Amino acid sequence: DGLRMTPRRQSRLFCRYHDNNRHPKYVIGPVKQEDEWDR
């Protein structure tokens, strides 16, 4: 029941594949990264 994120802020959160600036270990197999909070 705590602080709620506004729909506008919520719309800016994404899921993506992450390779940490093309790290050699993760260029071919990037990891799954999910935004949980913005600020």
Full PDB file with SEQRES, HELIX, SHEET, SSBOND, CRYST1, ORIGX, SCALE, CONECT and MASTER records, all heavy atoms in Angstrom:
SEQRES   1 A   39  ASP GLY LEU ARG MET THR PRO ARG ARG GLN SER ARG LEU          
SEQRES   2 A   39  PHE CYS ARG TYR HIS ASP ASN ASN ARG HIS PRO LYS TYR          
SEQRES   3 A   39  VAL ILE GLY PRO VAL LYS GLN GLU ASP GLU TRP ASP ARG          
HELIX    1 AA1 PRO A    7  GLN A   10  1                                   4    
SHEET    1 AA1 2 CYS A  15  HIS A  18  0                                        
SHEET    2 AA1 2 VAL A  31  GLU A  34 -1                                        
CRYST1    1.000    1.000    1.000  90.00  90.00  90.00 P 1           1          
ORIGX1      1.000000  0.000000  0.000000        0.00000                         
ORIGX2      0.000000  1.000000  0.000000        0.00000                         
ORIGX3      0.000000  0.000000  1.000000        0.00000                         
SCALE1      1.000000  0.000000  0.000000        0.00000                         
SCALE2      0.000000  1.000000  0.000000        0.00000                         
SCALE3      0.000000  0.000000  1.000000        0.00000                         
ATOM      1  N   ASP A   1       0.819  -1.214   0.000  1.00  0.00           N  
ATOM      2  CA  ASP A   1       0.000   0.000   0.000  1.00  0.00           C  
ATOM      3  C   ASP A   1       0.850   1.260   0.000  1.00  0.00           C  
ATOM      4  O   ASP A   1       0.370   2.345   0.326  1.00  0.00           O  
ATOM      5  CB  ASP A   1      -0.903   0.038   1.250  1.00  0.00           C  
ATOM      6  CG  ASP A   1      -1.882  -1.114   1.281  1.00  0.00           C  
ATOM      7  OD1 ASP A   1      -2.175  -1.649   0.195  1.00  0.00           O  
ATOM      8  OD2 ASP A   1      -2.333  -1.475   2.377  1.00  0.00           O  
ATOM      9  N   GLY A   2       2.132   1.120  -0.322  1.00  0.00           N  
ATOM     10  CA  GLY A   2       3.035   2.260  -0.225  1.00  0.00           C  
ATOM     11  C   GLY A   2       2.931   3.199  -1.408  1.00  0.00           C  
ATOM     12  O   GLY A   2       1.904   3.272  -2.106  1.00  0.00           O  
ATOM     13  N   LEU A   3       4.011   3.900  -1.664  1.00  0.00           N  
ATOM     14  CA  LEU A   3       4.059   4.888  -2.736  1.00  0.00           C  
ATOM     15  C   LEU A   3       3.753   4.230  -4.074  1.00  0.00           C  
ATOM     16  O   LEU A   3       4.325   3.197  -4.425  1.00  0.00           O  
ATOM     17  CB  LEU A   3       5.461   5.522  -2.778  1.00  0.00           C  
ATOM     18  CG  LEU A   3       5.702   6.601  -3.828  1.00  0.00           C  
ATOM     19  CD1 LEU A   3       4.809   7.805  -3.559  1.00  0.00           C  
ATOM     20  CD2 LEU A   3       7.169   7.003  -3.832  1.00  0.00           C  
ATOM     21  N   ARG A   4       2.824   4.816  -4.809  1.00  0.00           N  
ATOM     22  CA  ARG A   4       2.432   4.289  -6.117  1.00  0.00           C  
ATOM     23  C   ARG A   4       3.079   5.104  -7.240  1.00  0.00           C  
ATOM     24  O   ARG A   4       3.179   6.327  -7.149  1.00  0.00           O  
ATOM     25  CB  ARG A   4       0.909   4.348  -6.275  1.00  0.00           C  
ATOM     26  CG  ARG A   4       0.148   3.562  -5.225  1.00  0.00           C  
ATOM     27  CD  ARG A   4       0.213   2.086  -5.487  1.00  0.00           C  
ATOM     28  NE  ARG A   4      -0.590   1.343  -4.517  1.00  0.00           N  
ATOM     29  CZ  ARG A   4      -0.734   0.039  -4.544  1.00  0.00           C  
ATOM     30  NH1 ARG A   4      -0.138  -0.677  -5.471  1.00  0.00           N  
ATOM     31  NH2 ARG A   4      -1.472  -0.577  -3.639  1.00  0.00           N  
ATOM     32  N   MET A   5       3.483   4.392  -8.282  1.00  0.00           N  
ATOM     33  CA  MET A   5       4.052   5.070  -9.434  1.00  0.00           C  
ATOM     34  C   MET A   5       2.923   5.536 -10.362  1.00  0.00           C  
ATOM     35  O   MET A   5       1.960   4.804 -10.583  1.00  0.00           O  
ATOM     36  CB  MET A   5       4.990   4.118 -10.165  1.00  0.00           C  
ATOM     37  CG  MET A   5       5.760   4.765 -11.302  1.00  0.00           C  
ATOM     38  SD  MET A   5       7.003   3.655 -12.004  1.00  0.00           S  
ATOM     39  CE  MET A   5       8.214   3.638 -10.698  1.00  0.00           C  
ATOM     40  N   THR A   6       3.056   6.734 -10.888  1.00  0.00           N  
ATOM     41  CA  THR A   6       2.031   7.255 -11.801  1.00  0.00           C  
ATOM     42  C   THR A   6       2.084   6.468 -13.115  1.00  0.00           C  
ATOM     43  O   THR A   6       3.132   5.925 -13.486  1.00  0.00           O  
ATOM     44  CB  THR A   6       2.272   8.740 -12.088  1.00  0.00           C  
ATOM     45  OG1 THR A   6       3.527   8.885 -12.764  1.00  0.00           O  
ATOM     46  CG2 THR A   6       2.280   9.550 -10.801  1.00  0.00           C  
ATOM     47  N   PRO A   7       0.961   6.419 -13.841  1.00  0.00           N  
ATOM     48  CA  PRO A   7       0.961   5.730 -15.149  1.00  0.00           C  
ATOM     49  C   PRO A   7       2.033   6.264 -16.094  1.00  0.00           C  
ATOM     50  O   PRO A   7       2.628   5.507 -16.864  1.00  0.00           O  
ATOM     51  CB  PRO A   7      -0.444   5.998 -15.681  1.00  0.00           C  
ATOM     52  CG  PRO A   7      -1.278   6.211 -14.454  1.00  0.00           C  
ATOM     53  CD  PRO A   7      -0.378   6.903 -13.477  1.00  0.00           C  
ATOM     54  N   ARG A   8       2.288   7.566 -16.031  1.00  0.00           N  
ATOM     55  CA  ARG A   8       3.298   8.157 -16.917  1.00  0.00           C  
ATOM     56  C   ARG A   8       4.687   7.628 -16.587  1.00  0.00           C  
ATOM     57  O   ARG A   8       5.455   7.266 -17.494  1.00  0.00           O  
ATOM     58  CB  ARG A   8       3.263   9.676 -16.796  1.00  0.00           C  
ATOM     59  CG  ARG A   8       4.222  10.381 -17.746  1.00  0.00           C  
ATOM     60  CD  ARG A   8       4.070  11.887 -17.649  1.00  0.00           C  
ATOM     61  NE  ARG A   8       4.969  12.562 -18.580  1.00  0.00           N  
ATOM     62  CZ  ARG A   8       5.058  13.880 -18.688  1.00  0.00           C  
ATOM     63  NH1 ARG A   8       4.277  14.660 -17.921  1.00  0.00           N  
ATOM     64  NH2 ARG A   8       5.904  14.425 -19.552  1.00  0.00           N  
ATOM     65  N   ARG A   9       5.003   7.587 -15.299  1.00  0.00           N  
ATOM     66  CA  ARG A   9       6.306   7.045 -14.899  1.00  0.00           C  
ATOM     67  C   ARG A   9       6.376   5.554 -15.221  1.00  0.00           C  
ATOM     68  O   ARG A   9       7.408   5.048 -15.658  1.00  0.00           O  
ATOM     69  CB  ARG A   9       6.528   7.279 -13.403  1.00  0.00           C  
ATOM     70  CG  ARG A   9       6.829   8.723 -13.047  1.00  0.00           C  
ATOM     71  CD  ARG A   9       6.853   8.935 -11.544  1.00  0.00           C  
ATOM     72  NE  ARG A   9       7.913   8.168 -10.904  1.00  0.00           N  
ATOM     73  CZ  ARG A   9       8.046   8.066  -9.573  1.00  0.00           C  
ATOM     74  NH1 ARG A   9       7.167   8.667  -8.771  1.00  0.00           N  
ATOM     75  NH2 ARG A   9       9.026   7.363  -9.073  1.00  0.00           N  
ATOM     76  N   GLN A  10       5.270   4.847 -14.984  1.00  0.00           N  
ATOM     77  CA  GLN A  10       5.228   3.415 -15.249  1.00  0.00           C  
ATOM     78  C   GLN A  10       5.513   3.117 -16.718  1.00  0.00           C  
ATOM     79  O   GLN A  10       6.182   2.133 -17.050  1.00  0.00           O  
ATOM     80  CB  GLN A  10       3.853   2.854 -14.852  1.00  0.00           C  
ATOM     81  CG  GLN A  10       3.707   1.351 -15.014  1.00  0.00           C  
ATOM     82  CD  GLN A  10       4.461   0.583 -13.951  1.00  0.00           C  
ATOM     83  OE1 GLN A  10       4.443   0.972 -12.791  1.00  0.00           O  
ATOM     84  NE2 GLN A  10       5.118  -0.489 -14.343  1.00  0.00           N  
ATOM     85  N   SER A  11       5.028   3.988 -17.603  1.00  0.00           N  
ATOM     86  CA  SER A  11       5.187   3.755 -19.050  1.00  0.00           C  
ATOM     87  C   SER A  11       6.642   3.855 -19.486  1.00  0.00           C  
ATOM     88  O   SER A  11       6.997   3.419 -20.590  1.00  0.00           O  
ATOM     89  CB  SER A  11       4.335   4.758 -19.835  1.00  0.00           C  
ATOM     90  OG  SER A  11       4.842   6.082 -19.680  1.00  0.00           O  
ATOM     91  N   ARG A  12       7.479   4.450 -18.649  1.00  0.00           N  
ATOM     92  CA  ARG A  12       8.889   4.619 -19.009  1.00  0.00           C  
ATOM     93  C   ARG A  12       9.764   3.455 -18.529  1.00  0.00           C  
ATOM     94  O   ARG A  12      10.983   3.477 -18.736  1.00  0.00           O  
ATOM     95  CB  ARG A  12       9.413   5.930 -18.421  1.00  0.00           C  
ATOM     96  CG  ARG A  12       8.736   7.167 -19.015  1.00  0.00           C  
ATOM     97  CD  ARG A  12       9.141   8.413 -18.256  1.00  0.00           C  
ATOM     98  NE  ARG A  12       8.483   9.614 -18.812  1.00  0.00           N  
ATOM     99  CZ  ARG A  12       8.487  10.801 -18.224  1.00  0.00           C  
ATOM    100  NH1 ARG A  12       9.124  10.956 -17.059  1.00  0.00           N  
ATOM    101  NH2 ARG A  12       7.878  11.829 -18.789  1.00  0.00           N  
ATOM    102  N   LEU A  13       9.162   2.494 -17.865  1.00  0.00           N  
ATOM    103  CA  LEU A  13       9.915   1.331 -17.404  1.00  0.00           C  
ATOM    104  C   LEU A  13       9.863   0.246 -18.467  1.00  0.00           C  
ATOM    105  O   LEU A  13       8.808  -0.024 -19.047  1.00  0.00           O  
ATOM    106  CB  LEU A  13       9.330   0.808 -16.085  1.00  0.00           C  
ATOM    107  CG  LEU A  13       9.272   1.806 -14.921  1.00  0.00           C  
ATOM    108  CD1 LEU A  13       8.741   1.118 -13.676  1.00  0.00           C  
ATOM    109  CD2 LEU A  13      10.647   2.408 -14.653  1.00  0.00           C  
ATOM    110  N   PHE A  14      11.000  -0.395 -18.717  1.00  0.00           N  
ATOM    111  CA  PHE A  14      11.077  -1.376 -19.786  1.00  0.00           C  
ATOM    112  C   PHE A  14      11.806  -2.646 -19.323  1.00  0.00           C  
ATOM    113  O   PHE A  14      12.496  -2.657 -18.302  1.00  0.00           O  
ATOM    114  CB  PHE A  14      11.829  -0.792 -20.998  1.00  0.00           C  
ATOM    115  CG  PHE A  14      11.136   0.355 -21.655  1.00  0.00           C  
ATOM    116  CD1 PHE A  14      11.448   1.665 -21.307  1.00  0.00           C  
ATOM    117  CD2 PHE A  14      10.161   0.134 -22.613  1.00  0.00           C  
ATOM    118  CE1 PHE A  14      10.806   2.729 -21.915  1.00  0.00           C  
ATOM    119  CE2 PHE A  14       9.508   1.196 -23.228  1.00  0.00           C  
ATOM    120  CZ  PHE A  14       9.836   2.490 -22.871  1.00  0.00           C  
ATOM    121  N   CYS A  15      11.655  -3.677 -20.135  1.00  0.00           N  
ATOM    122  CA  CYS A  15      12.476  -4.881 -20.029  1.00  0.00           C  
ATOM    123  C   CYS A  15      13.354  -4.916 -21.272  1.00  0.00           C  
ATOM    124  O   CYS A  15      12.935  -4.481 -22.348  1.00  0.00           O  
ATOM    125  CB  CYS A  15      11.606  -6.140 -19.983  1.00  0.00           C  
ATOM    126  SG  CYS A  15      10.555  -6.239 -18.530  1.00  0.00           S  
ATOM    127  N   ARG A  16      14.571  -5.397 -21.125  1.00  0.00           N  
ATOM    128  CA  ARG A  16      15.496  -5.402 -22.263  1.00  0.00           C  
ATOM    129  C   ARG A  16      16.524  -6.505 -22.101  1.00  0.00           C  
ATOM    130  O   ARG A  16      16.672  -7.080 -21.015  1.00  0.00           O  
ATOM    131  CB  ARG A  16      16.196  -4.048 -22.358  1.00  0.00           C  
ATOM    132  CG  ARG A  16      17.092  -3.767 -21.167  1.00  0.00           C  
ATOM    133  CD  ARG A  16      17.665  -2.360 -21.180  1.00  0.00           C  
ATOM    134  NE  ARG A  16      16.634  -1.348 -20.998  1.00  0.00           N  
ATOM    135  CZ  ARG A  16      16.137  -1.006 -19.801  1.00  0.00           C  
ATOM    136  NH1 ARG A  16      16.557  -1.609 -18.688  1.00  0.00           N  
ATOM    137  NH2 ARG A  16      15.217  -0.089 -19.705  1.00  0.00           N  
ATOM    138  N   TYR A  17      17.229  -6.780 -23.196  1.00  0.00           N  
ATOM    139  CA  TYR A  17      18.403  -7.639 -23.125  1.00  0.00           C  
ATOM    140  C   TYR A  17      19.626  -6.740 -22.929  1.00  0.00           C  
ATOM    141  O   TYR A  17      19.780  -5.729 -23.611  1.00  0.00           O  
ATOM    142  CB  TYR A  17      18.551  -8.464 -24.406  1.00  0.00           C  
ATOM    143  CG  TYR A  17      17.585  -9.620 -24.472  1.00  0.00           C  
ATOM    144  CD1 TYR A  17      16.478  -9.573 -25.322  1.00  0.00           C  
ATOM    145  CD2 TYR A  17      17.776 -10.751 -23.689  1.00  0.00           C  
ATOM    146  CE1 TYR A  17      15.578 -10.625 -25.376  1.00  0.00           C  
ATOM    147  CE2 TYR A  17      16.877 -11.804 -23.732  1.00  0.00           C  
ATOM    148  CZ  TYR A  17      15.792 -11.741 -24.578  1.00  0.00           C  
ATOM    149  OH  TYR A  17      14.906 -12.785 -24.620  1.00  0.00           O  
ATOM    150  N   HIS A  18      20.476  -7.125 -21.998  1.00  0.00           N  
ATOM    151  CA  HIS A  18      21.570  -6.254 -21.567  1.00  0.00           C  
ATOM    152  C   HIS A  18      22.903  -6.964 -21.768  1.00  0.00           C  
ATOM    153  O   HIS A  18      23.085  -8.112 -21.353  1.00  0.00           O  
ATOM    154  CB  HIS A  18      21.359  -5.906 -20.081  1.00  0.00           C  
ATOM    155  CG  HIS A  18      22.463  -5.112 -19.468  1.00  0.00           C  
ATOM    156  ND1 HIS A  18      22.631  -3.769 -19.708  1.00  0.00           N  
ATOM    157  CD2 HIS A  18      23.466  -5.471 -18.610  1.00  0.00           C  
ATOM    158  CE1 HIS A  18      23.675  -3.323 -19.025  1.00  0.00           C  
ATOM    159  NE2 HIS A  18      24.200  -4.341 -18.360  1.00  0.00           N  
ATOM    160  N   ASP A  19      23.853  -6.257 -22.423  1.00  0.00           N  
ATOM    161  CA  ASP A  19      25.184  -6.862 -22.623  1.00  0.00           C  
ATOM    162  C   ASP A  19      26.293  -6.046 -21.976  1.00  0.00           C  
ATOM    163  O   ASP A  19      27.479  -6.305 -22.207  1.00  0.00           O  
ATOM    164  CB  ASP A  19      25.465  -7.046 -24.118  1.00  0.00           C  
ATOM    165  CG  ASP A  19      25.474  -5.706 -24.873  1.00  0.00           C  
ATOM    166  OD1 ASP A  19      25.503  -4.647 -24.220  1.00  0.00           O  
ATOM    167  OD2 ASP A  19      25.442  -5.739 -26.120  1.00  0.00           O  
ATOM    168  N   ASN A  20      25.925  -5.060 -21.150  1.00  0.00           N  
ATOM    169  CA  ASN A  20      26.881  -4.208 -20.444  1.00  0.00           C  
ATOM    170  C   ASN A  20      27.916  -3.627 -21.407  1.00  0.00           C  
ATOM    171  O   ASN A  20      29.131  -3.892 -21.306  1.00  0.00           O  
ATOM    172  CB  ASN A  20      27.589  -4.969 -19.317  1.00  0.00           C  
ATOM    173  CG  ASN A  20      28.368  -4.032 -18.392  1.00  0.00           C  
ATOM    174  OD1 ASN A  20      28.090  -2.826 -18.346  1.00  0.00           O  
ATOM    175  ND2 ASN A  20      29.341  -4.579 -17.678  1.00  0.00           N  
ATOM    176  N   ASN A  21      27.399  -2.827 -22.347  1.00  0.00           N  
ATOM    177  CA  ASN A  21      28.273  -2.160 -23.323  1.00  0.00           C  
ATOM    178  C   ASN A  21      29.112  -3.159 -24.113  1.00  0.00           C  
ATOM    179  O   ASN A  21      30.336  -3.029 -24.237  1.00  0.00           O  
ATOM    180  CB  ASN A  21      29.175  -1.132 -22.633  1.00  0.00           C  
ATOM    181  CG  ASN A  21      28.384  -0.006 -21.999  1.00  0.00           C  
ATOM    182  OD1 ASN A  21      27.401   0.465 -22.574  1.00  0.00           O  
ATOM    183  ND2 ASN A  21      28.798   0.407 -20.803  1.00  0.00           N  
ATOM    184  N   ARG A  22      28.411  -4.189 -24.614  1.00  0.00           N  
ATOM    185  CA  ARG A  22      29.032  -5.207 -25.460  1.00  0.00           C  
ATOM    186  C   ARG A  22      30.185  -5.921 -24.762  1.00  0.00           C  
ATOM    187  O   ARG A  22      31.268  -6.126 -25.315  1.00  0.00           O  
ATOM    188  CB  ARG A  22      29.503  -4.588 -26.781  1.00  0.00           C  
ATOM    189  CG  ARG A  22      28.377  -3.951 -27.590  1.00  0.00           C  
ATOM    190  CD  ARG A  22      28.839  -3.484 -28.939  1.00  0.00           C  
ATOM    191  NE  ARG A  22      29.298  -4.590 -29.787  1.00  0.00           N  
ATOM    192  CZ  ARG A  22      28.490  -5.423 -30.438  1.00  0.00           C  
ATOM    193  NH1 ARG A  22      27.170  -5.301 -30.322  1.00  0.00           N  
ATOM    194  NH2 ARG A  22      28.992  -6.368 -31.213  1.00  0.00           N  
ATOM    195  N   HIS A  23      29.916  -6.319 -23.532  1.00  0.00           N  
ATOM    196  CA  HIS A  23      30.907  -7.131 -22.809  1.00  0.00           C  
ATOM    197  C   HIS A  23      31.099  -8.439 -23.576  1.00  0.00           C  
ATOM    198  O   HIS A  23      30.126  -9.060 -24.028  1.00  0.00           O  
ATOM    199  CB  HIS A  23      30.405  -7.415 -21.385  1.00  0.00           C  
ATOM    200  CG  HIS A  23      31.444  -8.044 -20.508  1.00  0.00           C  
ATOM    201  ND1 HIS A  23      31.802  -9.370 -20.599  1.00  0.00           N  
ATOM    202  CD2 HIS A  23      32.214  -7.513 -19.508  1.00  0.00           C  
ATOM    203  CE1 HIS A  23      32.730  -9.646 -19.708  1.00  0.00           C  
ATOM    204  NE2 HIS A  23      32.994  -8.521 -19.036  1.00  0.00           N  
ATOM    205  N   PRO A  24      32.352  -8.878 -23.759  1.00  0.00           N  
ATOM    206  CA  PRO A  24      32.622 -10.075 -24.564  1.00  0.00           C  
ATOM    207  C   PRO A  24      31.800 -11.294 -24.169  1.00  0.00           C  
ATOM    208  O   PRO A  24      31.423 -12.099 -25.033  1.00  0.00           O  
ATOM    209  CB  PRO A  24      34.117 -10.321 -24.332  1.00  0.00           C  
ATOM    210  CG  PRO A  24      34.667  -8.976 -23.993  1.00  0.00           C  
ATOM    211  CD  PRO A  24      33.586  -8.264 -23.250  1.00  0.00           C  
ATOM    212  N   LYS A  25      31.508 -11.455 -22.894  1.00  0.00           N  
ATOM    213  CA  LYS A  25      30.772 -12.636 -22.436  1.00  0.00           C  
ATOM    214  C   LYS A  25      29.285 -12.562 -22.767  1.00  0.00           C  
ATOM    215  O   LYS A  25      28.593 -13.586 -22.740  1.00  0.00           O  
ATOM    216  CB  LYS A  25      30.942 -12.816 -20.929  1.00  0.00           C  
ATOM    217  CG  LYS A  25      32.334 -13.262 -20.512  1.00  0.00           C  
ATOM    218  CD  LYS A  25      32.372 -13.533 -19.009  1.00  0.00           C  
ATOM    219  CE  LYS A  25      33.767 -13.996 -18.591  1.00  0.00           C  
ATOM    220  NZ  LYS A  25      33.837 -14.243 -17.121  1.00  0.00           N  
ATOM    221  N   TYR A  26      28.774 -11.337 -23.040  1.00  0.00           N  
ATOM    222  CA  TYR A  26      27.323 -11.193 -23.166  1.00  0.00           C  
ATOM    223  C   TYR A  26      26.868 -10.579 -24.492  1.00  0.00           C  
ATOM    224  O   TYR A  26      25.698 -10.237 -24.641  1.00  0.00           O  
ATOM    225  CB  TYR A  26      26.784 -10.372 -21.993  1.00  0.00           C  
ATOM    226  CG  TYR A  26      27.044 -11.048 -20.674  1.00  0.00           C  
ATOM    227  CD1 TYR A  26      28.042 -10.578 -19.830  1.00  0.00           C  
ATOM    228  CD2 TYR A  26      26.338 -12.189 -20.306  1.00  0.00           C  
ATOM    229  CE1 TYR A  26      28.308 -11.223 -18.630  1.00  0.00           C  
ATOM    230  CE2 TYR A  26      26.598 -12.838 -19.118  1.00  0.00           C  
ATOM    231  CZ  TYR A  26      27.588 -12.358 -18.280  1.00  0.00           C  
ATOM    232  OH  TYR A  26      27.859 -13.008 -17.107  1.00  0.00           O  
ATOM    233  N   VAL A  27      27.786 -10.448 -25.433  1.00  0.00           N  
ATOM    234  CA  VAL A  27      27.391  -9.941 -26.738  1.00  0.00           C  
ATOM    235  C   VAL A  27      26.460 -10.925 -27.427  1.00  0.00           C  
ATOM    236  O   VAL A  27      25.413 -10.562 -27.976  1.00  0.00           O  
ATOM    237  CB  VAL A  27      28.639  -9.669 -27.609  1.00  0.00           C  
ATOM    238  CG1 VAL A  27      28.217  -9.353 -29.045  1.00  0.00           C  
ATOM    239  CG2 VAL A  27      29.446  -8.509 -27.045  1.00  0.00           C  
ATOM    240  N   ILE A  28      26.818 -12.211 -27.398  1.00  0.00           N  
ATOM    241  CA  ILE A  28      25.999 -13.233 -28.043  1.00  0.00           C  
ATOM    242  C   ILE A  28      24.826 -13.649 -27.153  1.00  0.00           C  
ATOM    243  O   ILE A  28      23.708 -13.847 -27.632  1.00  0.00           O  
ATOM    244  CB  ILE A  28      26.856 -14.467 -28.404  1.00  0.00           C  
ATOM    245  CG1 ILE A  28      27.924 -14.079 -29.419  1.00  0.00           C  
ATOM    246  CG2 ILE A  28      25.979 -15.599 -28.949  1.00  0.00           C  
ATOM    247  CD1 ILE A  28      28.856 -15.216 -29.782  1.00  0.00           C  
ATOM    248  N   GLY A  29      25.081 -13.744 -25.873  1.00  0.00           N  
ATOM    249  CA  GLY A  29      24.024 -14.162 -24.940  1.00  0.00           C  
ATOM    250  C   GLY A  29      23.758 -13.123 -23.877  1.00  0.00           C  
ATOM    251  O   GLY A  29      24.155 -13.297 -22.717  1.00  0.00           O  
ATOM    252  N   PRO A  30      23.105 -12.011 -24.215  1.00  0.00           N  
ATOM    253  CA  PRO A  30      22.838 -10.957 -23.223  1.00  0.00           C  
ATOM    254  C   PRO A  30      21.876 -11.445 -22.138  1.00  0.00           C  
ATOM    255  O   PRO A  30      21.156 -12.424 -22.331  1.00  0.00           O  
ATOM    256  CB  PRO A  30      22.215  -9.833 -24.052  1.00  0.00           C  
ATOM    257  CG  PRO A  30      21.606 -10.529 -25.228  1.00  0.00           C  
ATOM    258  CD  PRO A  30      22.513 -11.683 -25.527  1.00  0.00           C  
ATOM    259  N   VAL A  31      21.869 -10.747 -21.003  1.00  0.00           N  
ATOM    260  CA  VAL A  31      21.014 -11.129 -19.879  1.00  0.00           C  
ATOM    261  C   VAL A  31      19.741 -10.303 -19.898  1.00  0.00           C  
ATOM    262  O   VAL A  31      19.676  -9.234 -20.520  1.00  0.00           O  
ATOM    263  CB  VAL A  31      21.744 -10.938 -18.524  1.00  0.00           C  
ATOM    264  CG1 VAL A  31      22.961 -11.828 -18.453  1.00  0.00           C  
ATOM    265  CG2 VAL A  31      22.128  -9.480 -18.313  1.00  0.00           C  
ATOM    266  N   LYS A  32      18.727 -10.787 -19.196  1.00  0.00           N  
ATOM    267  CA  LYS A  32      17.443 -10.081 -19.130  1.00  0.00           C  
ATOM    268  C   LYS A  32      17.488  -9.048 -18.004  1.00  0.00           C  
ATOM    269  O   LYS A  32      17.774  -9.385 -16.854  1.00  0.00           O  
ATOM    270  CB  LYS A  32      16.315 -11.079 -18.859  1.00  0.00           C  
ATOM    271  CG  LYS A  32      16.141 -12.114 -19.960  1.00  0.00           C  
ATOM    272  CD  LYS A  32      15.100 -13.149 -19.570  1.00  0.00           C  
ATOM    273  CE  LYS A  32      14.955 -14.215 -20.651  1.00  0.00           C  
ATOM    274  NZ  LYS A  32      13.981 -15.265 -20.254  1.00  0.00           N  
ATOM    275  N   GLN A  33      17.186  -7.812 -18.352  1.00  0.00           N  
ATOM    276  CA  GLN A  33      17.204  -6.714 -17.380  1.00  0.00           C  
ATOM    277  C   GLN A  33      15.822  -6.068 -17.347  1.00  0.00           C  
ATOM    278  O   GLN A  33      15.245  -5.766 -18.396  1.00  0.00           O  
ATOM    279  CB  GLN A  33      18.256  -5.678 -17.766  1.00  0.00           C  
ATOM    280  CG  GLN A  33      18.441  -4.565 -16.733  1.00  0.00           C  
ATOM    281  CD  GLN A  33      19.326  -3.454 -17.265  1.00  0.00           C  
ATOM    282  OE1 GLN A  33      18.920  -2.728 -18.192  1.00  0.00           O  
ATOM    283  NE2 GLN A  33      20.524  -3.315 -16.718  1.00  0.00           N  
ATOM    284  N   GLU A  34      15.303  -5.852 -16.142  1.00  0.00           N  
ATOM    285  CA  GLU A  34      13.970  -5.265 -15.983  1.00  0.00           C  
ATOM    286  C   GLU A  34      14.031  -4.036 -15.080  1.00  0.00           C  
ATOM    287  O   GLU A  34      14.621  -4.087 -13.997  1.00  0.00           O  
ATOM    288  CB  GLU A  34      13.004  -6.289 -15.382  1.00  0.00           C  
ATOM    289  CG  GLU A  34      11.603  -5.757 -15.148  1.00  0.00           C  
ATOM    290  CD  GLU A  34      10.700  -6.758 -14.440  1.00  0.00           C  
ATOM    291  OE1 GLU A  34      11.185  -7.860 -14.097  1.00  0.00           O  
ATOM    292  OE2 GLU A  34       9.516  -6.430 -14.217  1.00  0.00           O  
ATOM    293  N   ASP A  35      13.419  -2.939 -15.532  1.00  0.00           N  
ATOM    294  CA  ASP A  35      13.321  -1.739 -14.694  1.00  0.00           C  
ATOM    295  C   ASP A  35      12.271  -1.968 -13.606  1.00  0.00           C  
ATOM    296  O   ASP A  35      11.122  -2.291 -13.905  1.00  0.00           O  
ATOM    297  CB  ASP A  35      12.909  -0.527 -15.533  1.00  0.00           C  
ATOM    298  CG  ASP A  35      13.991  -0.120 -16.520  1.00  0.00           C  
ATOM    299  OD1 ASP A  35      15.172  -0.353 -16.225  1.00  0.00           O  
ATOM    300  OD2 ASP A  35      13.637   0.433 -17.589  1.00  0.00           O  
ATOM    301  N   GLU A  36      12.669  -1.798 -12.351  1.00  0.00           N  
ATOM    302  CA  GLU A  36      11.728  -1.929 -11.232  1.00  0.00           C  
ATOM    303  C   GLU A  36      11.256  -0.562 -10.731  1.00  0.00           C  
ATOM    304  O   GLU A  36      10.136  -0.418 -10.273  1.00  0.00           O  
ATOM    305  CB  GLU A  36      12.397  -2.688 -10.079  1.00  0.00           C  
ATOM    306  CG  GLU A  36      12.713  -4.143 -10.377  1.00  0.00           C  
ATOM    307  CD  GLU A  36      11.498  -5.039 -10.228  1.00  0.00           C  
ATOM    308  OE1 GLU A  36      10.434  -4.525  -9.804  1.00  0.00           O  
ATOM    309  OE2 GLU A  36      11.599  -6.236 -10.522  1.00  0.00           O  
ATOM    310  N   TRP A  37      12.131   0.425 -10.788  1.00  0.00           N  
ATOM    311  CA  TRP A  37      11.811   1.767 -10.266  1.00  0.00           C  
ATOM    312  C   TRP A  37      12.675   2.771 -11.014  1.00  0.00           C  
ATOM    313  O   TRP A  37      13.756   2.413 -11.524  1.00  0.00           O  
ATOM    314  CB  TRP A  37      12.076   1.818  -8.761  1.00  0.00           C  
ATOM    315  CG  TRP A  37      11.300   2.888  -8.040  1.00  0.00           C  
ATOM    316  CD1 TRP A  37      11.768   4.091  -7.612  1.00  0.00           C  
ATOM    317  CD2 TRP A  37       9.918   2.841  -7.679  1.00  0.00           C  
ATOM    318  NE1 TRP A  37      10.759   4.803  -6.998  1.00  0.00           N  
ATOM    319  CE2 TRP A  37       9.605   4.052  -7.018  1.00  0.00           C  
ATOM    320  CE3 TRP A  37       8.917   1.898  -7.837  1.00  0.00           C  
ATOM    321  CZ2 TRP A  37       8.348   4.351  -6.533  1.00  0.00           C  
ATOM    322  CZ3 TRP A  37       7.650   2.184  -7.352  1.00  0.00           C  
ATOM    323  CH2 TRP A  37       7.369   3.394  -6.698  1.00  0.00           C  
ATOM    324  N   ASP A  38      12.182   4.018 -11.057  1.00  0.00           N  
ATOM    325  CA  ASP A  38      12.938   5.018 -11.819  1.00  0.00           C  
ATOM    326  C   ASP A  38      13.788   5.930 -10.948  1.00  0.00           C  
ATOM    327  O   ASP A  38      14.940   6.208 -11.256  1.00  0.00           O  
ATOM    328  CB  ASP A  38      11.989   5.839 -12.703  1.00  0.00           C  
ATOM    329  CG  ASP A  38      10.858   6.486 -11.915  1.00  0.00           C  
ATOM    330  OD1 ASP A  38      10.741   6.217 -10.706  1.00  0.00           O  
ATOM    331  OD2 ASP A  38      10.084   7.271 -12.522  1.00  0.00           O  
ATOM    332  N   ARG A  39      13.217   6.426  -9.833  1.00  0.00           N  
ATOM    333  CA  ARG A  39      13.964   7.349  -8.979  1.00  0.00           C  
ATOM    334  C   ARG A  39      13.854   6.919  -7.524  1.00  0.00           C  
ATOM    335  O   ARG A  39      12.786   7.095  -6.919  1.00  0.00           O  
ATOM    336  CB  ARG A  39      13.412   8.786  -9.127  1.00  0.00           C  
ATOM    337  CG  ARG A  39      13.567   9.359 -10.519  1.00  0.00           C  
ATOM    338  CD  ARG A  39      13.188  10.846 -10.551  1.00  0.00           C  
ATOM    339  NE  ARG A  39      11.820  11.091 -10.097  1.00  0.00           N  
ATOM    340  CZ  ARG A  39      10.746  11.052 -10.899  1.00  0.00           C  
ATOM    341  NH1 ARG A  39      10.880  10.756 -12.183  1.00  0.00           N  
ATOM    342  NH2 ARG A  39       9.556  11.309 -10.426  1.00  0.00           N  
TER     343      ARG A  39                                                      
MASTER        0    0    0    1    2    0    0    6  342    1    0    3          
END                                                                             
